[in-house]
């Protein structure tokens, strides 16, 4: 469970360090997958009575909120792909009208 939850954040960092927006989005998908994996492990820990119900509910809610926020970020980044294309995200400059 620890490795899966660590991977959630690590994949965001890896994606942020990538050159292209599409690469960043790919690692956001990986992060979301790790979040779902963490939910699976959390359920197993709870079913094995290693954590209490209140802790389980609290952690589950935080992970589900994380997934919602990642989905919002993916949607936002996908909108930027059209703007950036294959240009590195930090070199994009808006054209003034």
C-alpha atoms as a PDB file:
ATOM      1  CA  UNK A   1       0.000   0.000   0.000  1.00  0.00           C
ATOM      2  CA  UNK A   2       2.852   2.370   0.802  1.00  0.00           C
ATOM      3  CA  UNK A   3       4.509   1.812  -2.570  1.00  0.00           C
ATOM      4  CA  UNK A   4       1.247   2.409  -4.437  1.00  0.00           C
ATOM      5  CA  UNK A   5       0.515   5.611  -2.527  1.00  0.00           C
ATOM      6  CA  UNK A   6       4.085   6.852  -2.994  1.00  0.00           C
ATOM      7  CA  UNK A   7       3.709   6.192  -6.709  1.00  0.00           C
ATOM      8  CA  UNK A   8       0.683   8.514  -6.849  1.00  0.00           C
ATOM      9  CA  UNK A   9       2.837  11.527  -6.048  1.00  0.00           C
ATOM     10  CA  UNK A  10       6.012  10.316  -7.751  1.00  0.00           C
ATOM     11  CA  UNK A  11       4.259  10.010 -11.116  1.00  0.00           C
ATOM     12  CA  UNK A  12       3.022  13.590 -10.885  1.00  0.00           C
ATOM     13  CA  UNK A  13       6.587  14.735 -10.280  1.00  0.00           C
ATOM     14  CA  UNK A  14       7.923  12.621 -13.154  1.00  0.00           C
ATOM     15  CA  UNK A  15       5.300  14.007 -15.521  1.00  0.00           C
ATOM     16  CA  UNK A  16       6.002  17.575 -14.495  1.00  0.00           C
ATOM     17  CA  UNK A  17       9.646  17.059 -15.396  1.00  0.00           C
ATOM     18  CA  UNK A  18       8.838  15.848 -18.898  1.00  0.00           C
ATOM     19  CA  UNK A  19       9.454  17.955 -21.974  1.00  0.00           C
ATOM     20  CA  UNK A  20       6.053  17.734 -23.664  1.00  0.00           C
ATOM     21  CA  UNK A  21       2.512  18.224 -22.385  1.00  0.00           C
ATOM     22  CA  UNK A  22       1.429  14.821 -23.708  1.00  0.00           C
ATOM     23  CA  UNK A  23       4.131  13.155 -21.600  1.00  0.00           C
ATOM     24  CA  UNK A  24       2.908  15.041 -18.561  1.00  0.00           C
ATOM     25  CA  UNK A  25      -0.643  13.812 -19.195  1.00  0.00           C
ATOM     26  CA  UNK A  26       0.585  10.230 -19.533  1.00  0.00           C
ATOM     27  CA  UNK A  27       2.136  10.360 -16.074  1.00  0.00           C
ATOM     28  CA  UNK A  28      -1.063  11.853 -14.658  1.00  0.00           C
ATOM     29  CA  UNK A  29      -2.823   8.731 -15.940  1.00  0.00           C
ATOM     30  CA  UNK A  30      -0.185   6.610 -14.196  1.00  0.00           C
ATOM     31  CA  UNK A  31      -0.773   8.578 -11.007  1.00  0.00           C
ATOM     32  CA  UNK A  32      -4.513   7.988 -11.240  1.00  0.00           C
ATOM     33  CA  UNK A  33      -3.890   4.274 -11.742  1.00  0.00           C
ATOM     34  CA  UNK A  34      -1.723   4.230  -8.633  1.00  0.00           C
ATOM     35  CA  UNK A  35      -4.541   5.927  -6.724  1.00  0.00           C
ATOM     36  CA  UNK A  36      -6.937   3.153  -7.716  1.00  0.00           C
ATOM     37  CA  UNK A  37      -4.332   0.581  -6.719  1.00  0.00           C
ATOM     38  CA  UNK A  38      -4.015   2.304  -3.356  1.00  0.00           C
ATOM     39  CA  UNK A  39      -7.790   2.018  -2.904  1.00  0.00           C
ATOM     40  CA  UNK A  40      -7.548  -1.725  -3.487  1.00  0.00           C
ATOM     41  CA  UNK A  41      -4.790  -2.092  -0.897  1.00  0.00           C
ATOM     42  CA  UNK A  42      -6.671   0.119   1.536  1.00  0.00           C
ATOM     43  CA  UNK A  43      -9.721  -2.142   1.234  1.00  0.00           C
ATOM     44  CA  UNK A  44      -7.568  -5.202   1.882  1.00  0.00           C
ATOM     45  CA  UNK A  45      -6.013  -3.594   4.956  1.00  0.00           C
ATOM     46  CA  UNK A  46      -9.468  -2.740   6.284  1.00  0.00           C
ATOM     47  CA  UNK A  47     -10.925  -6.205   5.582  1.00  0.00           C
ATOM     48  CA  UNK A  48      -7.988  -7.763   7.427  1.00  0.00           C
ATOM     49  CA  UNK A  49      -8.844  -5.546  10.422  1.00  0.00           C
ATOM     50  CA  UNK A  50      -5.489  -3.779  10.361  1.00  0.00           C
ATOM     51  CA  UNK A  51      -7.158  -0.343  10.502  1.00  0.00           C
ATOM     52  CA  UNK A  52     -10.411   0.871  11.984  1.00  0.00           C
ATOM     53  CA  UNK A  53     -13.504   1.979  10.130  1.00  0.00           C
ATOM     54  CA  UNK A  54     -13.009   5.687  10.788  1.00  0.00           C
ATOM     55  CA  UNK A  55      -9.431   5.638   9.473  1.00  0.00           C
ATOM     56  CA  UNK A  56     -10.562   3.642   6.441  1.00  0.00           C
ATOM     57  CA  UNK A  57     -13.357   6.098   5.602  1.00  0.00           C
ATOM     58  CA  UNK A  58     -11.062   9.098   6.050  1.00  0.00           C
ATOM     59  CA  UNK A  59      -8.300   7.692   3.837  1.00  0.00           C
ATOM     60  CA  UNK A  60     -10.754   6.463   1.209  1.00  0.00           C
ATOM     61  CA  UNK A  61     -12.327   9.910   1.000  1.00  0.00           C
ATOM     62  CA  UNK A  62      -8.915  11.560   0.571  1.00  0.00           C
ATOM     63  CA  UNK A  63      -7.914   9.171  -2.206  1.00  0.00           C
ATOM     64  CA  UNK A  64     -11.244   9.601  -3.987  1.00  0.00           C
ATOM     65  CA  UNK A  65     -10.827  13.383  -3.804  1.00  0.00           C
ATOM     66  CA  UNK A  66      -7.308  12.973  -5.196  1.00  0.00           C
ATOM     67  CA  UNK A  67      -8.736  11.031  -8.158  1.00  0.00           C
ATOM     68  CA  UNK A  68     -11.299  13.775  -8.823  1.00  0.00           C
ATOM     69  CA  UNK A  69      -8.571  16.432  -8.792  1.00  0.00           C
ATOM     70  CA  UNK A  70      -6.309  14.384 -11.076  1.00  0.00           C
ATOM     71  CA  UNK A  71      -9.209  13.996 -13.528  1.00  0.00           C
ATOM     72  CA  UNK A  72      -9.707  17.783 -13.520  1.00  0.00           C
ATOM     73  CA  UNK A  73      -6.013  18.311 -14.160  1.00  0.00           C
ATOM     74  CA  UNK A  74      -5.990  15.772 -17.011  1.00  0.00           C
ATOM     75  CA  UNK A  75      -8.939  17.536 -18.621  1.00  0.00           C
ATOM     76  CA  UNK A  76      -7.212  20.901 -18.301  1.00  0.00           C
ATOM     77  CA  UNK A  77      -3.935  19.573 -19.691  1.00  0.00           C
ATOM     78  CA  UNK A  78      -5.718  17.928 -22.640  1.00  0.00           C
ATOM     79  CA  UNK A  79      -7.071  21.361 -23.539  1.00  0.00           C
ATOM     80  CA  UNK A  80      -3.516  22.655 -23.561  1.00  0.00           C
ATOM     81  CA  UNK A  81      -2.339  19.956 -25.956  1.00  0.00           C
ATOM     82  CA  UNK A  82      -4.284  21.678 -28.719  1.00  0.00           C
ATOM     83  CA  UNK A  83      -2.570  24.973 -27.871  1.00  0.00           C
ATOM     84  CA  UNK A  84       0.925  23.616 -27.370  1.00  0.00           C
ATOM     85  CA  UNK A  85       1.039  20.770 -29.836  1.00  0.00           C
ATOM     86  CA  UNK A  86       4.540  19.383 -29.710  1.00  0.00           C
ATOM     87  CA  UNK A  87       6.076  22.575 -28.338  1.00  0.00           C
ATOM     88  CA  UNK A  88       7.439  22.246 -24.797  1.00  0.00           C
ATOM     89  CA  UNK A  89       4.875  23.642 -22.386  1.00  0.00           C
ATOM     90  CA  UNK A  90       7.193  26.321 -20.981  1.00  0.00           C
ATOM     91  CA  UNK A  91       7.944  27.790 -24.422  1.00  0.00           C
ATOM     92  CA  UNK A  92       4.348  28.397 -25.368  1.00  0.00           C
ATOM     93  CA  UNK A  93       3.507  32.080 -25.840  1.00  0.00           C
ATOM     94  CA  UNK A  94       0.058  33.361 -26.559  1.00  0.00           C
ATOM     95  CA  UNK A  95      -0.381  35.249 -29.766  1.00  0.00           C
ATOM     96  CA  UNK A  96      -1.672  38.734 -29.148  1.00  0.00           C
ATOM     97  CA  UNK A  97      -4.623  39.777 -31.279  1.00  0.00           C
END
